[in-house]
Amino acid sequence: MNLQALLLSLRLAAVVSVLLLGISLPLAAWLVFGRWRGRFLLEALVALPLVLPPTVLGFYLLVLMGPRTPFGRLCQALFGHGLAFTFEGLVVGSLLYSLPFAVQPLVSAFRGVDRALLDASFVLGASRLRTFRRVILPLSFSGLVTALVLSFAHTLGEFGVVLMVGGNLPGITRTVSIAIYDSAQALDYAAANRLALLLLLLSFTALSVVYAVNRRVWSPWSPR
């Protein structure tokens, strides 16, 4: 088994899922509670990776990270190297490609919060931030878990974007999905099957966690 590729994929998925949670919480809150009428445009932009071919997104990211673009020059100045074909580049690509898997569960959870509870919190003098922390987040626990788990699982199995942005560099950008492809191309179906089966089990476990939490099988606030 290609342990190096597996560990790299787990590391990438962990970094991306944590960063996405920090990005998605304020973004989802603004999409639900904001007052700008053009929010649907941002919602469409966030959901775009769901319908956009991964190679298209990967191609434009690769162009964006090029040394002749303002973003590419900024990365060169900050990090001393470009982001293309690096682990950091994989993180950026995966953040964009997995964004809807983190934002949409949170949007759904926030919309399910009873507005009467929010009004009561404001009447009692709580600020918007305090209401968000003390009322909205606890009531949106299932959405938080769903966003974290789905973004982790989606990043773990991503192929198209990471191949376009990172290539296939062992120990640097070769993820487990690329290792499966390499093994299949080399007709090493036994190795490909071992890695594919592992991803299958991880994905099933992730989805089981999501459905268990959404059905209230387990929750820190569920009655014992």
C-alpha atoms as a PDB file:
ATOM      1  CA  MET A   1       0.000   0.000   0.000  1.00  0.00           C
ATOM      2  CA  ASN A   2       1.218   3.500  -0.883  1.00  0.00           C
ATOM      3  CA  LEU A   3       1.354   4.813   2.672  1.00  0.00           C
ATOM      4  CA  GLN A   4       3.060   8.048   1.652  1.00  0.00           C
ATOM      5  CA  ALA A   5       0.199   9.012  -0.678  1.00  0.00           C
ATOM      6  CA  LEU A   6      -2.383   8.079   1.945  1.00  0.00           C
ATOM      7  CA  LEU A   7      -0.752  10.191   4.648  1.00  0.00           C
ATOM      8  CA  LEU A   8      -0.458  13.116   2.237  1.00  0.00           C
ATOM      9  CA  SER A   9      -4.164  12.837   1.386  1.00  0.00           C
ATOM     10  CA  LEU A  10      -5.138  12.694   5.070  1.00  0.00           C
ATOM     11  CA  ARG A  11      -2.989  15.715   5.823  1.00  0.00           C
ATOM     12  CA  LEU A  12      -4.495  17.645   2.903  1.00  0.00           C
ATOM     13  CA  ALA A  13      -8.051  16.723   3.881  1.00  0.00           C
ATOM     14  CA  ALA A  14      -7.476  17.705   7.513  1.00  0.00           C
ATOM     15  CA  VAL A  15      -5.963  21.094   6.639  1.00  0.00           C
ATOM     16  CA  VAL A  16      -8.649  21.890   4.066  1.00  0.00           C
ATOM     17  CA  SER A  17     -11.601  20.843   6.236  1.00  0.00           C
ATOM     18  CA  VAL A  18     -10.423  22.962   9.191  1.00  0.00           C
ATOM     19  CA  LEU A  19      -9.733  25.998   7.000  1.00  0.00           C
ATOM     20  CA  LEU A  20     -13.046  25.572   5.211  1.00  0.00           C
ATOM     21  CA  LEU A  21     -14.951  25.521   8.467  1.00  0.00           C
ATOM     22  CA  GLY A  22     -13.394  28.845   9.441  1.00  0.00           C
ATOM     23  CA  ILE A  23     -14.203  30.318   6.019  1.00  0.00           C
ATOM     24  CA  SER A  24     -17.676  28.833   5.679  1.00  0.00           C
ATOM     25  CA  LEU A  25     -19.098  29.878   9.056  1.00  0.00           C
ATOM     26  CA  PRO A  26     -19.114  33.655   8.401  1.00  0.00           C
ATOM     27  CA  LEU A  27     -19.885  33.123   4.700  1.00  0.00           C
ATOM     28  CA  ALA A  28     -22.918  30.923   5.407  1.00  0.00           C
ATOM     29  CA  ALA A  29     -24.103  33.284   8.148  1.00  0.00           C
ATOM     30  CA  TRP A  30     -23.952  36.218   5.750  1.00  0.00           C
ATOM     31  CA  LEU A  31     -25.799  34.276   3.038  1.00  0.00           C
ATOM     32  CA  VAL A  32     -28.595  33.445   5.480  1.00  0.00           C
ATOM     33  CA  PHE A  33     -28.838  36.567   7.625  1.00  0.00           C
ATOM     34  CA  GLY A  34     -27.417  39.225   5.300  1.00  0.00           C
ATOM     35  CA  ARG A  35     -29.668  41.815   3.685  1.00  0.00           C
ATOM     36  CA  TRP A  36     -28.032  42.220   0.276  1.00  0.00           C
ATOM     37  CA  ARG A  37     -30.542  41.178  -2.379  1.00  0.00           C
ATOM     38  CA  GLY A  38     -27.832  39.935  -4.700  1.00  0.00           C
ATOM     39  CA  ARG A  39     -26.798  37.148  -2.320  1.00  0.00           C
ATOM     40  CA  PHE A  40     -28.040  34.602  -4.844  1.00  0.00           C
ATOM     41  CA  LEU A  41     -25.111  35.525  -7.093  1.00  0.00           C
ATOM     42  CA  LEU A  42     -22.630  34.573  -4.382  1.00  0.00           C
ATOM     43  CA  GLU A  43     -24.600  31.394  -3.670  1.00  0.00           C
ATOM     44  CA  ALA A  44     -24.327  30.458  -7.337  1.00  0.00           C
ATOM     45  CA  LEU A  45     -20.603  31.188  -7.296  1.00  0.00           C
ATOM     46  CA  VAL A  46     -20.083  29.026  -4.205  1.00  0.00           C
ATOM     47  CA  ALA A  47     -22.066  26.158  -5.758  1.00  0.00           C
ATOM     48  CA  LEU A  48     -20.278  26.395  -9.106  1.00  0.00           C
ATOM     49  CA  PRO A  49     -17.759  23.590  -8.340  1.00  0.00           C
ATOM     50  CA  LEU A  50     -20.687  21.176  -8.028  1.00  0.00           C
ATOM     51  CA  VAL A  51     -21.407  21.438 -11.747  1.00  0.00           C
ATOM     52  CA  LEU A  52     -18.066  22.623 -13.118  1.00  0.00           C
ATOM     53  CA  PRO A  53     -15.726  19.906 -14.454  1.00  0.00           C
ATOM     54  CA  PRO A  54     -12.713  19.580 -12.118  1.00  0.00           C
ATOM     55  CA  THR A  55     -10.318  19.984 -15.041  1.00  0.00           C
ATOM     56  CA  VAL A  56     -11.836  23.372 -15.879  1.00  0.00           C
ATOM     57  CA  LEU A  57     -11.423  24.660 -12.339  1.00  0.00           C
ATOM     58  CA  GLY A  58      -7.951  23.128 -12.150  1.00  0.00           C
ATOM     59  CA  PHE A  59      -6.917  24.742 -15.415  1.00  0.00           C
ATOM     60  CA  TYR A  60      -7.951  28.238 -14.368  1.00  0.00           C
ATOM     61  CA  LEU A  61      -6.318  27.794 -10.975  1.00  0.00           C
ATOM     62  CA  LEU A  62      -3.132  26.733 -12.719  1.00  0.00           C
ATOM     63  CA  VAL A  63      -3.280  29.866 -14.870  1.00  0.00           C
ATOM     64  CA  LEU A  64      -4.005  32.025 -11.796  1.00  0.00           C
ATOM     65  CA  MET A  65      -0.967  30.613 -10.012  1.00  0.00           C
ATOM     66  CA  GLY A  66       1.302  31.316 -12.962  1.00  0.00           C
ATOM     67  CA  PRO A  67       4.306  33.635 -12.482  1.00  0.00           C
ATOM     68  CA  ARG A  68       2.877  36.288 -14.834  1.00  0.00           C
ATOM     69  CA  THR A  69      -0.338  36.905 -12.904  1.00  0.00           C
ATOM     70  CA  PRO A  70      -0.667  39.343  -9.975  1.00  0.00           C
ATOM     71  CA  PHE A  71      -1.652  36.450  -7.677  1.00  0.00           C
ATOM     72  CA  GLY A  72       1.302  34.389  -8.840  1.00  0.00           C
ATOM     73  CA  ARG A  73       3.721  37.266  -8.281  1.00  0.00           C
ATOM     74  CA  LEU A  74       2.243  37.873  -4.827  1.00  0.00           C
ATOM     75  CA  CYS A  75       2.769  34.215  -3.870  1.00  0.00           C
ATOM     76  CA  GLN A  76       6.308  34.360  -5.221  1.00  0.00           C
ATOM     77  CA  ALA A  77       7.022  37.409  -3.067  1.00  0.00           C
ATOM     78  CA  LEU A  78       5.415  35.922   0.054  1.00  0.00           C
ATOM     79  CA  PHE A  79       6.634  32.327  -0.128  1.00  0.00           C
ATOM     80  CA  GLY A  80       9.661  32.546  -2.405  1.00  0.00           C
ATOM     81  CA  HIS A  81       8.033  30.172  -4.906  1.00  0.00           C
ATOM     82  CA  GLY A  82       4.828  29.746  -6.865  1.00  0.00           C
ATOM     83  CA  LEU A  83       1.919  27.622  -5.678  1.00  0.00           C
ATOM     84  CA  ALA A  84       1.635  25.386  -8.727  1.00  0.00           C
ATOM     85  CA  PHE A  85       2.866  21.817  -8.123  1.00  0.00           C
ATOM     86  CA  THR A  86       3.197  22.351  -4.365  1.00  0.00           C
ATOM     87  CA  PHE A  87       1.248  21.156  -1.336  1.00  0.00           C
ATOM     88  CA  GLU A  88       0.104  24.718  -0.706  1.00  0.00           C
ATOM     89  CA  GLY A  89      -1.293  24.816  -4.231  1.00  0.00           C
ATOM     90  CA  LEU A  90      -3.264  21.651  -3.501  1.00  0.00           C
ATOM     91  CA  VAL A  91      -4.710  23.341  -0.416  1.00  0.00           C
ATOM     92  CA  VAL A  92      -5.864  26.371  -2.422  1.00  0.00           C
ATOM     93  CA  GLY A  93      -7.381  24.216  -5.152  1.00  0.00           C
ATOM     94  CA  SER A  94      -9.124  21.935  -2.678  1.00  0.00           C
ATOM     95  CA  LEU A  95     -10.484  24.881  -0.704  1.00  0.00           C
ATOM     96  CA  LEU A  96     -12.274  26.175  -3.777  1.00  0.00           C
ATOM     97  CA  TYR A  97     -13.429  22.791  -5.020  1.00  0.00           C
ATOM     98  CA  SER A  98     -14.774  21.612  -1.649  1.00  0.00           C
ATOM     99  CA  LEU A  99     -16.262  24.974  -0.625  1.00  0.00           C
ATOM    100  CA  PRO A 100     -19.905  24.088  -1.438  1.00  0.00           C
ATOM    101  CA  PHE A 101     -19.646  20.903   0.644  1.00  0.00           C
ATOM    102  CA  ALA A 102     -18.915  23.070   3.684  1.00  0.00           C
ATOM    103  CA  VAL A 103     -21.124  26.082   2.980  1.00  0.00           C
ATOM    104  CA  GLN A 104     -24.370  24.409   1.940  1.00  0.00           C
ATOM    105  CA  PRO A 105     -24.841  22.249   5.081  1.00  0.00           C
ATOM    106  CA  LEU A 106     -24.228  25.322   7.225  1.00  0.00           C
ATOM    107  CA  VAL A 107     -26.669  27.418   5.205  1.00  0.00           C
ATOM    108  CA  SER A 108     -29.305  24.718   5.611  1.00  0.00           C
ATOM    109  CA  ALA A 109     -28.654  24.465   9.355  1.00  0.00           C
ATOM    110  CA  PHE A 110     -28.743  28.239   9.910  1.00  0.00           C
ATOM    111  CA  ARG A 111     -32.012  28.552   7.971  1.00  0.00           C
ATOM    112  CA  GLY A 112     -33.543  25.909  10.238  1.00  0.00           C
ATOM    113  CA  VAL A 113     -32.986  27.959  13.387  1.00  0.00           C
ATOM    114  CA  ASP A 114     -36.230  29.352  14.791  1.00  0.00           C
ATOM    115  CA  ARG A 115     -36.230  33.109  14.206  1.00  0.00           C
ATOM    116  CA  ALA A 116     -38.262  33.588  17.396  1.00  0.00           C
ATOM    117  CA  LEU A 117     -35.225  32.422  19.381  1.00  0.00           C
ATOM    118  CA  LEU A 118     -33.061  34.991  17.646  1.00  0.00           C
ATOM    119  CA  ASP A 119     -35.579  37.753  18.327  1.00  0.00           C
ATOM    120  CA  ALA A 120     -35.706  36.728  21.994  1.00  0.00           C
ATOM    121  CA  SER A 121     -31.914  36.871  22.197  1.00  0.00           C
ATOM    122  CA  PHE A 122     -31.871  40.391  20.736  1.00  0.00           C
ATOM    123  CA  VAL A 123     -34.653  41.540  23.052  1.00  0.00           C
ATOM    124  CA  LEU A 124     -32.582  40.329  26.014  1.00  0.00           C
ATOM    125  CA  GLY A 125     -29.742  42.564  24.850  1.00  0.00           C
ATOM    126  CA  ALA A 126     -27.404  40.025  23.256  1.00  0.00           C
ATOM    127  CA  SER A 127     -25.278  41.240  20.378  1.00  0.00           C
ATOM    128  CA  ARG A 128     -25.306  39.586  16.956  1.00  0.00           C
ATOM    129  CA  LEU A 129     -21.995  37.891  17.673  1.00  0.00           C
ATOM    130  CA  ARG A 130     -23.129  36.604  21.067  1.00  0.00           C
ATOM    131  CA  THR A 131     -26.392  35.369  19.550  1.00  0.00           C
ATOM    132  CA  PHE A 132     -24.457  33.588  16.861  1.00  0.00           C
ATOM    133  CA  ARG A 133     -22.164  31.894  19.386  1.00  0.00           C
ATOM    134  CA  ARG A 134     -24.745  31.073  22.065  1.00  0.00           C
ATOM    135  CA  VAL A 135     -27.885  30.366  20.016  1.00  0.00           C
ATOM    136  CA  ILE A 136     -27.197  29.689  16.340  1.00  0.00           C
ATOM    137  CA  LEU A 137     -24.073  27.533  16.606  1.00  0.00           C
ATOM    138  CA  PRO A 138     -25.393  25.111  19.280  1.00  0.00           C
ATOM    139  CA  LEU A 139     -28.625  24.663  17.324  1.00  0.00           C
ATOM    140  CA  SER A 140     -26.641  24.067  14.124  1.00  0.00           C
ATOM    141  CA  PHE A 141     -24.435  21.294  15.491  1.00  0.00           C
ATOM    142  CA  SER A 142     -25.528  18.760  12.873  1.00  0.00           C
ATOM    143  CA  GLY A 143     -24.724  21.234  10.099  1.00  0.00           C
ATOM    144  CA  LEU A 144     -21.273  21.848  11.564  1.00  0.00           C
ATOM    145  CA  VAL A 145     -20.499  18.127  11.672  1.00  0.00           C
ATOM    146  CA  THR A 146     -21.881  17.616   8.165  1.00  0.00           C
ATOM    147  CA  ALA A 147     -19.794  20.464   6.749  1.00  0.00           C
ATOM    148  CA  LEU A 148     -16.615  19.240   8.442  1.00  0.00           C
ATOM    149  CA  VAL A 149     -17.045  15.581   7.486  1.00  0.00           C
ATOM    150  CA  LEU A 150     -18.196  16.157   3.900  1.00  0.00           C
ATOM    151  CA  SER A 151     -15.390  18.610   3.129  1.00  0.00           C
ATOM    152  CA  PHE A 152     -12.871  16.170   4.617  1.00  0.00           C
ATOM    153  CA  ALA A 153     -14.222  13.194   2.659  1.00  0.00           C
ATOM    154  CA  HIS A 154     -14.554  15.148  -0.587  1.00  0.00           C
ATOM    155  CA  THR A 155     -10.998  16.459  -0.354  1.00  0.00           C
ATOM    156  CA  LEU A 156      -9.681  13.003   0.493  1.00  0.00           C
ATOM    157  CA  GLY A 157     -10.974  11.525  -2.754  1.00  0.00           C
ATOM    158  CA  GLU A 158     -10.424  14.487  -5.079  1.00  0.00           C
ATOM    159  CA  PHE A 159      -8.603  13.693  -8.322  1.00  0.00           C
ATOM    160  CA  GLY A 160      -9.092  16.191 -11.151  1.00  0.00           C
ATOM    161  CA  VAL A 161      -8.238  19.459  -9.439  1.00  0.00           C
ATOM    162  CA  VAL A 162      -5.260  18.104  -7.505  1.00  0.00           C
ATOM    163  CA  LEU A 163      -3.836  16.519 -10.653  1.00  0.00           C
ATOM    164  CA  MET A 164      -4.167  19.748 -12.635  1.00  0.00           C
ATOM    165  CA  VAL A 165      -2.796  21.989  -9.892  1.00  0.00           C
ATOM    166  CA  GLY A 166      -0.250  19.683  -8.259  1.00  0.00           C
ATOM    167  CA  GLY A 167       0.742  17.156 -10.887  1.00  0.00           C
ATOM    168  CA  ASN A 168       2.074  13.833  -9.675  1.00  0.00           C
ATOM    169  CA  LEU A 169       5.111  14.448  -7.495  1.00  0.00           C
ATOM    170  CA  PRO A 170       5.789  11.644  -4.972  1.00  0.00           C
ATOM    171  CA  GLY A 171       5.704  12.882  -1.386  1.00  0.00           C
ATOM    172  CA  ILE A 172       4.634  16.365  -2.471  1.00  0.00           C
ATOM    173  CA  THR A 173       1.449  16.242  -4.554  1.00  0.00           C
ATOM    174  CA  ARG A 174       0.754  12.552  -5.229  1.00  0.00           C
ATOM    175  CA  THR A 175      -2.457  11.915  -3.317  1.00  0.00           C
ATOM    176  CA  VAL A 176      -4.105   8.551  -2.805  1.00  0.00           C
ATOM    177  CA  SER A 177      -6.532   9.054  -5.711  1.00  0.00           C
ATOM    178  CA  ILE A 178      -3.621   9.725  -8.055  1.00  0.00           C
ATOM    179  CA  ALA A 179      -1.814   6.681  -6.653  1.00  0.00           C
ATOM    180  CA  ILE A 180      -4.864   4.560  -7.519  1.00  0.00           C
ATOM    181  CA  TYR A 181      -4.802   5.903 -11.066  1.00  0.00           C
ATOM    182  CA  ASP A 182      -1.072   5.206 -11.382  1.00  0.00           C
ATOM    183  CA  SER A 183      -1.506   1.647 -10.132  1.00  0.00           C
ATOM    184  CA  ALA A 184      -4.349   1.005 -12.562  1.00  0.00           C
ATOM    185  CA  GLN A 185      -2.325   2.455 -15.441  1.00  0.00           C
ATOM    186  CA  ALA A 186       0.562   0.143 -14.506  1.00  0.00           C
ATOM    187  CA  LEU A 187      -1.886  -2.817 -14.447  1.00  0.00           C
ATOM    188  CA  ASP A 188      -1.192  -3.297 -10.739  1.00  0.00           C
ATOM    189  CA  TYR A 189      -4.810  -3.905  -9.921  1.00  0.00           C
ATOM    190  CA  ALA A 190      -4.065  -5.454  -6.527  1.00  0.00           C
ATOM    191  CA  ALA A 191      -2.452  -2.231  -5.270  1.00  0.00           C
ATOM    192  CA  ALA A 192      -5.196  -0.124  -6.846  1.00  0.00           C
ATOM    193  CA  ASN A 193      -7.842  -2.286  -5.197  1.00  0.00           C
ATOM    194  CA  ARG A 194      -6.277  -1.967  -1.737  1.00  0.00           C
ATOM    195  CA  LEU A 195      -6.222   1.829  -1.939  1.00  0.00           C
ATOM    196  CA  ALA A 196      -9.672   2.028  -3.502  1.00  0.00           C
ATOM    197  CA  LEU A 197     -11.138  -0.223  -0.830  1.00  0.00           C
ATOM    198  CA  LEU A 198      -9.591   1.937   1.878  1.00  0.00           C
ATOM    199  CA  LEU A 199     -11.130   5.080   0.355  1.00  0.00           C
ATOM    200  CA  LEU A 200     -14.461   3.268   0.084  1.00  0.00           C
ATOM    201  CA  LEU A 201     -14.391   2.392   3.787  1.00  0.00           C
ATOM    202  CA  LEU A 202     -13.364   5.913   4.797  1.00  0.00           C
ATOM    203  CA  SER A 203     -16.119   7.450   2.674  1.00  0.00           C
ATOM    204  CA  PHE A 204     -18.725   5.066   4.102  1.00  0.00           C
ATOM    205  CA  THR A 205     -17.597   5.891   7.638  1.00  0.00           C
ATOM    206  CA  ALA A 206     -17.784   9.627   6.937  1.00  0.00           C
ATOM    207  CA  LEU A 207     -21.308   9.381   5.533  1.00  0.00           C
ATOM    208  CA  SER A 208     -22.376   7.178   8.435  1.00  0.00           C
ATOM    209  CA  VAL A 209     -21.242   9.883  10.860  1.00  0.00           C
ATOM    210  CA  VAL A 210     -23.188  12.532   8.938  1.00  0.00           C
ATOM    211  CA  TYR A 211     -26.413  10.532   8.834  1.00  0.00           C
ATOM    212  CA  ALA A 212     -26.066   9.462  12.461  1.00  0.00           C
ATOM    213  CA  VAL A 213     -25.746  13.049  13.647  1.00  0.00           C
ATOM    214  CA  ASN A 214     -28.571  14.273  11.397  1.00  0.00           C
ATOM    215  CA  ARG A 215     -30.842  11.549  12.793  1.00  0.00           C
ATOM    216  CA  ARG A 216     -29.804  12.512  16.327  1.00  0.00           C
ATOM    217  CA  VAL A 217     -28.239   9.097  16.952  1.00  0.00           C
ATOM    218  CA  TRP A 218     -25.465  10.975  18.711  1.00  0.00           C
ATOM    219  CA  SER A 219     -25.154  14.585  19.758  1.00  0.00           C
ATOM    220  CA  PRO A 220     -23.536  16.284  22.759  1.00  0.00           C
ATOM    221  CA  TRP A 221     -26.946  17.812  23.551  1.00  0.00           C
ATOM    222  CA  SER A 222     -29.043  14.702  22.945  1.00  0.00           C
ATOM    223  CA  PRO A 223     -30.913  13.294  25.978  1.00  0.00           C
ATOM    224  CA  ARG A 224     -29.311  10.272  27.568  1.00  0.00           C
END
